[in-house]
Amino acid sequence: MAKFTGISKVKLNNGKYVVRVTDGDMEFDPITEQEYRFAAFKPEFEDLQESTWLPPSYKES
């Protein structure tokens, strides 16, 4: 199964999370197109790696 590594969650100062998605970073094994799409677009929130980086242009609302 493919693993999409270009996504992470960032906890904001108010305790809420935002999800940051990059344009890539996949680890591949032999997979079908359906497995690729599932891995790329539907990772479980609990499985997301926690990060602290957000783009400088991000403004918390």
Protein backbone atom coordinates (compact mmCIF):
# COMPACT_ATOMS: atom_id res chain seq x y z
CA MET A 1 0.00 0.00 0.00
CA ALA A 2 1.21 3.51 -0.73
CA LYS A 3 1.81 5.90 2.11
CA PHE A 4 1.29 9.61 1.47
CA THR A 5 3.86 11.45 3.59
CA GLY A 6 3.13 14.99 2.38
CA ILE A 7 0.45 15.72 4.96
CA SER A 8 0.63 16.62 8.63
CA LYS A 9 -1.47 18.16 11.37
CA VAL A 10 -0.50 21.29 13.28
CA LYS A 11 -2.04 22.20 16.63
CA LEU A 12 -2.83 25.91 16.87
CA ASN A 13 -2.59 28.06 20.00
CA ASN A 14 -6.37 27.80 20.46
CA GLY A 15 -6.14 23.99 20.63
CA LYS A 16 -7.67 23.35 17.19
CA TYR A 17 -5.80 21.57 14.42
CA VAL A 18 -5.15 22.51 10.82
CA VAL A 19 -3.96 20.00 8.24
CA ARG A 20 -1.03 20.98 6.04
CA VAL A 21 -0.76 19.26 2.66
CA THR A 22 2.25 19.45 0.37
CA ASP A 23 2.41 18.54 -3.28
CA GLY A 24 4.08 15.21 -2.86
CA ASP A 25 6.08 12.67 -0.95
CA MET A 26 4.69 9.20 -1.43
CA GLU A 27 6.26 5.90 -0.42
CA PHE A 28 5.27 3.28 -3.00
CA ASP A 29 4.77 -0.45 -3.06
CA PRO A 30 3.02 -2.15 -5.97
CA ILE A 31 -0.54 -0.76 -5.75
CA THR A 32 -3.69 -0.29 -7.73
CA GLU A 33 -5.01 3.13 -8.73
CA GLN A 34 -7.79 2.78 -6.14
CA GLU A 35 -5.27 2.07 -3.36
CA TYR A 36 -3.22 5.09 -4.49
CA ARG A 37 -6.22 7.41 -4.34
CA PHE A 38 -7.28 6.11 -0.93
CA ALA A 39 -3.76 6.54 0.47
CA ALA A 40 -3.34 9.99 -1.04
CA PHE A 41 -6.61 11.56 -0.03
CA LYS A 42 -8.04 9.74 2.99
CA PRO A 43 -5.44 9.24 5.69
CA GLU A 44 -6.86 8.77 9.15
CA PHE A 45 -6.50 11.94 11.25
CA GLU A 46 -5.00 9.92 14.12
CA ASP A 47 -2.33 8.60 11.75
CA LEU A 48 -1.14 12.05 10.65
CA GLN A 49 2.30 13.07 11.79
CA GLU A 50 2.21 16.08 14.10
CA SER A 51 4.15 19.09 12.85
CA THR A 52 4.75 22.66 13.98
CA TRP A 53 5.54 24.35 10.66
CA LEU A 54 3.00 26.47 8.82
CA PRO A 55 3.65 28.78 5.88
CA PRO A 56 4.59 32.33 6.91
CA SER A 57 1.47 33.61 5.14
CA TYR A 58 -0.87 31.54 7.38
CA LYS A 59 -2.92 33.68 9.77
CA GLU A 60 -4.88 32.08 12.58
CA SER A 61 -8.49 33.28 12.60
